[in-house]
Amino acid sequence: MFMFNATDKYTRRVAAPVAYREAISKGKTDEEADIARDFVRKTNFDYSDKDAPQLFTKFGAIGKLLLQFKKYPVKETELMVELFQSGDKKAIARFFGQYLVMAGMMGVPVAGAGDELAEWITGTSPTKEMKKLVMEWAGNDPNKNP
């Protein structure tokens, strides 16, 4: 848990000054540049109970225990929905470009569920098929084979 907390604190300490400097560079006053706090909450999320969906708090300690690692995908999905609702195509492309480079297609929230649904409907997993194609493409070439 120590590494998670240290990493989370570091990303928050980096995100806040970046958002503040961007606001100042756009001509905002110091008071208006307070959007840095909102930016950090929006991108790094608030993990407290007050910002948790009711499902996470409704069942008390048992619910918290069973769902303790599910809050991030829920909050990330909320962020994605907000991004799509904004209609900013450049921001959407930048977000998903970075997301796919860092996490891969199966790292996107709900992609695993989509893969399982496709396998249930068609009998074939798109992920397994993609992996098979990559391995066939790599063949015996030592430069391509993992």
N, C-alpha and C. Protein backbone atom coordinates (compact mmCIF):
# COMPACT_ATOMS: atom_id res chain seq x y z
N MET A 1 0.83 -1.19 0.00
CA MET A 1 0.00 0.00 0.00
C MET A 1 0.87 1.25 0.00
N PHE A 2 2.06 1.13 0.58
CA PHE A 2 2.97 2.27 0.64
C PHE A 2 3.30 2.78 -0.76
N MET A 3 3.61 1.87 -1.69
CA MET A 3 3.98 2.29 -3.05
C MET A 3 2.81 2.98 -3.75
N PHE A 4 1.60 2.45 -3.57
CA PHE A 4 0.43 3.09 -4.17
C PHE A 4 0.26 4.51 -3.64
N ASN A 5 0.33 4.66 -2.31
CA ASN A 5 0.17 5.98 -1.71
C ASN A 5 1.26 6.94 -2.17
N ALA A 6 2.49 6.47 -2.22
CA ALA A 6 3.60 7.33 -2.66
C ALA A 6 3.41 7.76 -4.11
N THR A 7 3.01 6.83 -4.96
CA THR A 7 2.79 7.15 -6.38
C THR A 7 1.62 8.11 -6.53
N ASP A 8 0.54 7.87 -5.81
CA ASP A 8 -0.63 8.73 -5.89
C ASP A 8 -0.30 10.15 -5.44
N LYS A 9 0.42 10.28 -4.34
CA LYS A 9 0.81 11.61 -3.86
C LYS A 9 1.71 12.32 -4.87
N TYR A 10 2.61 11.56 -5.49
CA TYR A 10 3.52 12.16 -6.48
C TYR A 10 2.73 12.67 -7.69
N THR A 11 1.81 11.88 -8.21
CA THR A 11 1.05 12.33 -9.38
C THR A 11 0.20 13.55 -9.05
N ARG A 12 -0.32 13.62 -7.85
CA ARG A 12 -1.10 14.80 -7.45
C ARG A 12 -0.20 16.03 -7.34
N ARG A 13 1.01 15.84 -6.80
CA ARG A 13 1.95 16.97 -6.67
C ARG A 13 2.43 17.46 -8.04
N VAL A 14 2.46 16.58 -9.01
CA VAL A 14 2.87 16.98 -10.36
C VAL A 14 1.70 17.62 -11.11
N ALA A 15 0.52 17.05 -10.98
CA ALA A 15 -0.65 17.53 -11.73
C ALA A 15 -1.07 18.94 -11.32
N ALA A 16 -1.03 19.24 -10.04
CA ALA A 16 -1.49 20.55 -9.56
C ALA A 16 -0.68 21.70 -10.12
N PRO A 17 0.66 21.69 -10.03
CA PRO A 17 1.41 22.83 -10.60
C PRO A 17 1.27 22.94 -12.11
N VAL A 18 1.14 21.81 -12.80
CA VAL A 18 0.96 21.85 -14.25
C VAL A 18 -0.35 22.56 -14.59
N ALA A 19 -1.42 22.20 -13.91
CA ALA A 19 -2.72 22.84 -14.16
C ALA A 19 -2.68 24.32 -13.78
N TYR A 20 -2.03 24.63 -12.68
CA TYR A 20 -1.91 26.03 -12.23
C TYR A 20 -1.14 26.87 -13.27
N ARG A 21 0.01 26.37 -13.71
CA ARG A 21 0.82 27.11 -14.70
C ARG A 21 0.06 27.29 -16.01
N GLU A 22 -0.69 26.28 -16.41
CA GLU A 22 -1.46 26.39 -17.65
C GLU A 22 -2.54 27.47 -17.51
N ALA A 23 -3.19 27.52 -16.35
CA ALA A 23 -4.22 28.53 -16.12
C ALA A 23 -3.61 29.93 -16.13
N ILE A 24 -2.46 30.11 -15.48
CA ILE A 24 -1.79 31.42 -15.44
C ILE A 24 -1.36 31.82 -16.84
N SER A 25 -0.84 30.85 -17.62
CA SER A 25 -0.39 31.17 -18.99
C SER A 25 -1.55 31.58 -19.89
N LYS A 26 -2.77 31.17 -19.52
CA LYS A 26 -3.96 31.55 -20.29
C LYS A 26 -4.56 32.84 -19.78
N GLY A 27 -3.84 33.52 -18.88
CA GLY A 27 -4.29 34.83 -18.41
C GLY A 27 -5.21 34.81 -17.20
N LYS A 28 -5.31 33.69 -16.53
CA LYS A 28 -6.17 33.60 -15.34
C LYS A 28 -5.46 34.26 -14.16
N THR A 29 -6.26 34.78 -13.22
CA THR A 29 -5.69 35.35 -12.00
C THR A 29 -5.38 34.20 -11.03
N ASP A 30 -4.71 34.51 -9.94
CA ASP A 30 -4.39 33.47 -8.96
C ASP A 30 -5.65 32.79 -8.42
N GLU A 31 -6.71 33.58 -8.20
CA GLU A 31 -7.94 33.01 -7.69
C GLU A 31 -8.57 32.07 -8.73
N GLU A 32 -8.56 32.51 -9.97
CA GLU A 32 -9.13 31.68 -11.03
C GLU A 32 -8.27 30.44 -11.29
N ALA A 33 -6.99 30.56 -11.01
CA ALA A 33 -6.09 29.42 -11.23
C ALA A 33 -6.30 28.34 -10.19
N ASP A 34 -7.24 28.57 -9.28
CA ASP A 34 -7.58 27.57 -8.28
C ASP A 34 -8.19 26.33 -8.95
N ILE A 35 -8.38 26.39 -10.25
CA ILE A 35 -8.90 25.24 -10.98
C ILE A 35 -7.93 24.06 -10.91
N ALA A 36 -6.70 24.33 -10.48
CA ALA A 36 -5.73 23.24 -10.33
C ALA A 36 -6.26 22.19 -9.36
N ARG A 37 -6.89 22.63 -8.28
CA ARG A 37 -7.45 21.70 -7.30
C ARG A 37 -8.54 20.86 -7.95
N ASP A 38 -9.41 21.50 -8.73
CA ASP A 38 -10.46 20.75 -9.42
C ASP A 38 -9.87 19.78 -10.44
N PHE A 39 -8.82 20.22 -11.12
CA PHE A 39 -8.16 19.36 -12.10
C PHE A 39 -7.62 18.09 -11.44
N VAL A 40 -6.97 18.25 -10.30
CA VAL A 40 -6.42 17.09 -9.59
C VAL A 40 -7.53 16.15 -9.15
N ARG A 41 -8.62 16.71 -8.63
CA ARG A 41 -9.75 15.86 -8.22
C ARG A 41 -10.37 15.15 -9.41
N LYS A 42 -10.42 15.83 -10.53
CA LYS A 42 -11.05 15.25 -11.72
C LYS A 42 -10.19 14.15 -12.33
N THR A 43 -8.88 14.35 -12.37
CA THR A 43 -8.01 13.38 -13.03
C THR A 43 -7.43 12.33 -12.10
N ASN A 44 -7.26 12.64 -10.82
CA ASN A 44 -6.70 11.67 -9.88
C ASN A 44 -7.76 11.13 -8.93
N PHE A 45 -8.94 11.66 -9.01
CA PHE A 45 -10.11 11.19 -8.29
C PHE A 45 -10.04 11.40 -6.79
N ASP A 46 -11.22 11.43 -6.20
CA ASP A 46 -11.38 11.52 -4.76
C ASP A 46 -11.83 10.14 -4.31
N TYR A 47 -11.00 9.48 -3.55
CA TYR A 47 -11.29 8.11 -3.14
C TYR A 47 -12.06 8.02 -1.82
N SER A 48 -12.50 9.15 -1.30
CA SER A 48 -13.23 9.12 -0.02
C SER A 48 -14.65 8.59 -0.24
N ASP A 49 -15.30 8.24 0.86
CA ASP A 49 -16.67 7.72 0.80
C ASP A 49 -17.65 8.73 0.24
N LYS A 50 -17.39 10.02 0.47
CA LYS A 50 -18.36 11.03 0.01
C LYS A 50 -18.45 11.10 -1.51
N ASP A 51 -17.42 10.63 -2.21
CA ASP A 51 -17.44 10.67 -3.68
C ASP A 51 -17.63 9.28 -4.28
N ALA A 52 -17.90 8.31 -3.44
CA ALA A 52 -18.07 6.93 -3.93
C ALA A 52 -19.51 6.70 -4.37
N PRO A 53 -19.70 5.90 -5.42
CA PRO A 53 -21.07 5.53 -5.78
C PRO A 53 -21.74 4.80 -4.61
N GLN A 54 -23.04 4.86 -4.53
CA GLN A 54 -23.77 4.30 -3.41
C GLN A 54 -23.50 2.80 -3.25
N LEU A 55 -23.30 2.11 -4.34
CA LEU A 55 -23.02 0.68 -4.27
C LEU A 55 -21.80 0.39 -3.39
N PHE A 56 -20.82 1.30 -3.39
CA PHE A 56 -19.60 1.09 -2.62
C PHE A 56 -19.80 1.33 -1.12
N THR A 57 -20.78 2.12 -0.76
CA THR A 57 -20.97 2.46 0.65
C THR A 57 -22.22 1.82 1.25
N LYS A 58 -23.13 1.39 0.43
CA LYS A 58 -24.43 0.87 0.87
C LYS A 58 -24.30 -0.37 1.76
N PHE A 59 -23.32 -1.21 1.49
CA PHE A 59 -23.19 -2.47 2.20
C PHE A 59 -22.12 -2.45 3.29
N GLY A 60 -21.75 -1.24 3.72
CA GLY A 60 -20.82 -1.08 4.83
C GLY A 60 -19.44 -1.65 4.56
N ALA A 61 -18.87 -2.24 5.58
CA ALA A 61 -17.50 -2.76 5.49
C ALA A 61 -17.38 -3.90 4.49
N ILE A 62 -18.39 -4.73 4.40
CA ILE A 62 -18.36 -5.86 3.46
C ILE A 62 -18.31 -5.33 2.02
N GLY A 63 -19.15 -4.35 1.71
CA GLY A 63 -19.15 -3.76 0.37
C GLY A 63 -17.82 -3.10 0.05
N LYS A 64 -17.27 -2.39 1.02
CA LYS A 64 -15.97 -1.74 0.81
C LYS A 64 -14.88 -2.77 0.55
N LEU A 65 -14.92 -3.87 1.28
CA LEU A 65 -13.92 -4.91 1.10
C LEU A 65 -14.03 -5.57 -0.26
N LEU A 66 -15.24 -5.94 -0.65
CA LEU A 66 -15.44 -6.62 -1.92
C LEU A 66 -15.17 -5.73 -3.13
N LEU A 67 -15.43 -4.44 -2.98
CA LEU A 67 -15.29 -3.52 -4.12
C LEU A 67 -14.09 -2.58 -3.99
N GLN A 68 -13.16 -2.87 -3.11
CA GLN A 68 -12.09 -1.92 -2.83
C GLN A 68 -11.23 -1.58 -4.04
N PHE A 69 -11.06 -2.47 -4.98
CA PHE A 69 -10.23 -2.17 -6.14
C PHE A 69 -11.06 -1.84 -7.38
N LYS A 70 -12.34 -1.63 -7.21
CA LYS A 70 -13.22 -1.33 -8.34
C LYS A 70 -13.53 0.16 -8.47
N LYS A 71 -13.13 0.96 -7.50
CA LYS A 71 -13.46 2.38 -7.56
C LYS A 71 -12.70 3.07 -8.71
N TYR A 72 -11.44 2.69 -8.93
CA TYR A 72 -10.67 3.33 -10.01
C TYR A 72 -11.33 3.13 -11.38
N PRO A 73 -11.70 1.90 -11.77
CA PRO A 73 -12.35 1.76 -13.08
C PRO A 73 -13.65 2.55 -13.20
N VAL A 74 -14.40 2.63 -12.10
CA VAL A 74 -15.65 3.39 -12.12
C VAL A 74 -15.35 4.88 -12.33
N LYS A 75 -14.39 5.41 -11.58
CA LYS A 75 -14.04 6.83 -11.70
C LYS A 75 -13.42 7.12 -13.08
N GLU A 76 -12.62 6.20 -13.58
CA GLU A 76 -12.01 6.38 -14.90
C GLU A 76 -13.09 6.38 -15.99
N THR A 77 -14.08 5.52 -15.85
CA THR A 77 -15.18 5.49 -16.80
C THR A 77 -15.98 6.79 -16.74
N GLU A 78 -16.20 7.32 -15.53
CA GLU A 78 -16.88 8.61 -15.40
C GLU A 78 -16.10 9.70 -16.12
N LEU A 79 -14.77 9.69 -15.98
CA LEU A 79 -13.93 10.68 -16.66
C LEU A 79 -14.06 10.55 -18.17
N MET A 80 -14.07 9.31 -18.66
CA MET A 80 -14.21 9.09 -20.10
C MET A 80 -15.55 9.59 -20.62
N VAL A 81 -16.61 9.34 -19.86
CA VAL A 81 -17.94 9.79 -20.27
C VAL A 81 -17.97 11.32 -20.34
N GLU A 82 -17.38 11.99 -19.33
CA GLU A 82 -17.31 13.45 -19.34
C GLU A 82 -16.53 13.95 -20.56
N LEU A 83 -15.46 13.25 -20.87
CA LEU A 83 -14.64 13.63 -22.01
C LEU A 83 -15.43 13.53 -23.31
N PHE A 84 -16.16 12.43 -23.49
CA PHE A 84 -16.99 12.27 -24.68
C PHE A 84 -18.10 13.31 -24.74
N GLN A 85 -18.69 13.62 -23.59
CA GLN A 85 -19.76 14.61 -23.55
C GLN A 85 -19.25 16.00 -23.89
N SER A 86 -17.97 16.26 -23.62
CA SER A 86 -17.41 17.58 -23.93
C SER A 86 -17.31 17.77 -25.44
N GLY A 87 -17.18 16.68 -26.19
CA GLY A 87 -17.09 16.77 -27.65
C GLY A 87 -15.75 17.25 -28.17
N ASP A 88 -14.76 17.41 -27.31
CA ASP A 88 -13.43 17.89 -27.72
C ASP A 88 -12.66 16.72 -28.33
N LYS A 89 -12.68 16.63 -29.67
CA LYS A 89 -12.08 15.49 -30.36
C LYS A 89 -10.58 15.40 -30.15
N LYS A 90 -9.92 16.54 -30.06
CA LYS A 90 -8.47 16.55 -29.83
C LYS A 90 -8.15 15.97 -28.45
N ALA A 91 -8.91 16.37 -27.44
CA ALA A 91 -8.69 15.86 -26.08
C ALA A 91 -9.01 14.37 -26.01
N ILE A 92 -10.06 13.95 -26.69
CA ILE A 92 -10.43 12.53 -26.70
C ILE A 92 -9.31 11.71 -27.34
N ALA A 93 -8.81 12.16 -28.48
CA ALA A 93 -7.73 11.45 -29.17
C ALA A 93 -6.46 11.41 -28.31
N ARG A 94 -6.14 12.52 -27.67
CA ARG A 94 -4.94 12.57 -26.83
C ARG A 94 -5.09 11.63 -25.63
N PHE A 95 -6.25 11.64 -25.00
CA PHE A 95 -6.48 10.79 -23.84
C PHE A 95 -6.39 9.33 -24.21
N PHE A 96 -7.14 8.92 -25.24
CA PHE A 96 -7.15 7.50 -25.59
C PHE A 96 -5.84 7.05 -26.24
N GLY A 97 -5.17 7.94 -26.94
CA GLY A 97 -3.86 7.60 -27.49
C GLY A 97 -2.88 7.24 -26.39
N GLN A 98 -2.82 8.08 -25.38
CA GLN A 98 -1.93 7.80 -24.24
C GLN A 98 -2.38 6.56 -23.48
N TYR A 99 -3.68 6.43 -23.32
CA TYR A 99 -4.22 5.30 -22.57
C TYR A 99 -3.87 3.99 -23.27
N LEU A 100 -4.06 3.94 -24.58
CA LEU A 100 -3.79 2.71 -25.31
C LEU A 100 -2.30 2.39 -25.36
N VAL A 101 -1.46 3.41 -25.46
CA VAL A 101 -0.01 3.17 -25.46
C VAL A 101 0.43 2.61 -24.11
N MET A 102 -0.10 3.15 -23.03
CA MET A 102 0.34 2.73 -21.70
C MET A 102 -0.34 1.44 -21.22
N ALA A 103 -1.62 1.25 -21.53
CA ALA A 103 -2.36 0.12 -20.97
C ALA A 103 -2.73 -0.94 -22.00
N GLY A 104 -2.67 -0.62 -23.27
CA GLY A 104 -3.14 -1.56 -24.28
C GLY A 104 -4.65 -1.56 -24.34
N MET A 105 -5.19 -2.18 -25.34
CA MET A 105 -6.63 -2.18 -25.54
C MET A 105 -7.37 -2.80 -24.35
N MET A 106 -6.82 -3.86 -23.78
CA MET A 106 -7.51 -4.52 -22.69
C MET A 106 -7.37 -3.77 -21.37
N GLY A 107 -6.56 -2.71 -21.34
CA GLY A 107 -6.43 -1.90 -20.14
C GLY A 107 -7.52 -0.85 -20.02
N VAL A 108 -8.25 -0.62 -21.09
CA VAL A 108 -9.34 0.36 -21.07
C VAL A 108 -10.49 -0.22 -20.26
N PRO A 109 -11.03 0.54 -19.29
CA PRO A 109 -12.14 0.01 -18.50
C PRO A 109 -13.28 -0.49 -19.38
N VAL A 110 -13.85 -1.57 -19.02
CA VAL A 110 -14.98 -2.23 -19.66
C VAL A 110 -14.56 -3.02 -20.90
N ALA A 111 -13.32 -2.90 -21.37
CA ALA A 111 -12.88 -3.66 -22.54
C ALA A 111 -12.91 -5.15 -22.25
N GLY A 112 -12.53 -5.54 -21.05
CA GLY A 112 -12.56 -6.96 -20.69
C GLY A 112 -13.97 -7.52 -20.75
N ALA A 113 -14.92 -6.72 -20.28
CA ALA A 113 -16.31 -7.17 -20.33
C ALA A 113 -16.79 -7.29 -21.78
N GLY A 114 -16.35 -6.34 -22.61
CA GLY A 114 -16.70 -6.41 -24.03
C GLY A 114 -16.11 -7.63 -24.70
N ASP A 115 -14.89 -7.97 -24.33
CA ASP A 115 -14.23 -9.15 -24.88
C ASP A 115 -14.97 -10.42 -24.46
N GLU A 116 -15.36 -10.50 -23.20
CA GLU A 116 -16.10 -11.66 -22.72
C GLU A 116 -17.47 -11.76 -23.37
N LEU A 117 -18.12 -10.61 -23.57
CA LEU A 117 -19.43 -10.61 -24.23
C LEU A 117 -19.30 -11.09 -25.67
N ALA A 118 -18.28 -10.60 -26.38
CA ALA A 118 -18.06 -11.03 -27.76
C ALA A 118 -17.78 -12.54 -27.81
N GLU A 119 -17.01 -13.05 -26.85
CA GLU A 119 -16.72 -14.49 -26.82
C GLU A 119 -17.99 -15.28 -26.53
N TRP A 120 -18.83 -14.77 -25.65
CA TRP A 120 -20.07 -15.46 -25.32
C TRP A 120 -21.01 -15.51 -26.53
N ILE A 121 -21.06 -14.40 -27.29
CA ILE A 121 -21.95 -14.33 -28.45
C ILE A 121 -21.41 -15.12 -29.63
N THR A 122 -20.12 -14.93 -29.93
CA THR A 122 -19.54 -15.53 -31.14
C THR A 122 -18.78 -16.82 -30.89
N GLY A 123 -18.43 -17.07 -29.63
CA GLY A 123 -17.62 -18.25 -29.33
C GLY A 123 -16.14 -18.01 -29.54
N THR A 124 -15.78 -16.79 -29.93
CA THR A 124 -14.38 -16.44 -30.18
C THR A 124 -14.02 -15.17 -29.44
N SER A 125 -12.89 -15.20 -28.75
CA SER A 125 -12.42 -14.02 -28.04
C SER A 125 -11.59 -13.14 -28.98
N PRO A 126 -12.00 -11.87 -29.18
CA PRO A 126 -11.20 -10.99 -30.03
C PRO A 126 -9.77 -10.83 -29.53
N THR A 127 -9.58 -10.84 -28.23
CA THR A 127 -8.23 -10.70 -27.66
C THR A 127 -7.37 -11.90 -28.01
N LYS A 128 -7.92 -13.10 -27.83
CA LYS A 128 -7.16 -14.32 -28.16
C LYS A 128 -6.86 -14.37 -29.65
N GLU A 129 -7.80 -13.96 -30.48
CA GLU A 129 -7.58 -13.95 -31.93
C GLU A 129 -6.47 -12.96 -32.31
N MET A 130 -6.47 -11.80 -31.66
CA MET A 130 -5.43 -10.81 -31.94
C MET A 130 -4.07 -11.33 -31.53
N LYS A 131 -3.99 -11.97 -30.37
CA LYS A 131 -2.72 -12.54 -29.92
C LYS A 131 -2.24 -13.62 -30.88
N LYS A 132 -3.17 -14.44 -31.37
CA LYS A 132 -2.81 -15.49 -32.33
C LYS A 132 -2.27 -14.88 -33.62
N LEU A 133 -2.91 -13.82 -34.10
CA LEU A 133 -2.43 -13.14 -35.32
C LEU A 133 -1.03 -12.56 -35.14
N VAL A 134 -0.79 -11.96 -33.97
CA VAL A 134 0.53 -11.39 -33.69
C VAL A 134 1.59 -12.49 -33.67
N MET A 135 1.27 -13.62 -33.04
CA MET A 135 2.23 -14.72 -32.98
C MET A 135 2.48 -15.31 -34.37
N GLU A 136 1.44 -15.41 -35.20
CA GLU A 136 1.63 -15.89 -36.57
C GLU A 136 2.48 -14.92 -37.37
N TRP A 137 2.24 -13.62 -37.17
CA TRP A 137 3.03 -12.60 -37.86
C TRP A 137 4.49 -12.68 -37.44
N ALA A 138 4.74 -12.89 -36.15
CA ALA A 138 6.12 -12.94 -35.65
C ALA A 138 6.85 -14.16 -36.19
N GLY A 139 6.15 -15.27 -36.34
CA GLY A 139 6.75 -16.48 -36.90
C GLY A 139 8.03 -16.86 -36.18
N ASN A 140 9.03 -17.19 -36.96
CA ASN A 140 10.31 -17.60 -36.40
C ASN A 140 11.32 -16.47 -36.36
N ASP A 141 10.90 -15.28 -36.71
CA ASP A 141 11.82 -14.13 -36.72
C ASP A 141 12.17 -13.75 -35.28
N PRO A 142 13.44 -13.90 -34.87
CA PRO A 142 13.81 -13.62 -33.48
C PRO A 142 13.65 -12.14 -33.12
N ASN A 143 13.64 -11.26 -34.12
CA ASN A 143 13.46 -9.82 -33.82
C ASN A 143 12.01 -9.49 -33.50
N LYS A 144 11.06 -10.29 -33.96
CA LYS A 144 9.65 -10.01 -33.73
C LYS A 144 9.07 -10.84 -32.60
N ASN A 145 9.68 -11.95 -32.29
CA ASN A 145 9.13 -12.88 -31.31
C ASN A 145 9.49 -12.46 -29.90
N PRO A 146 8.51 -12.37 -28.99
CA PRO A 146 8.77 -11.92 -27.63
C PRO A 146 9.60 -12.91 -26.82
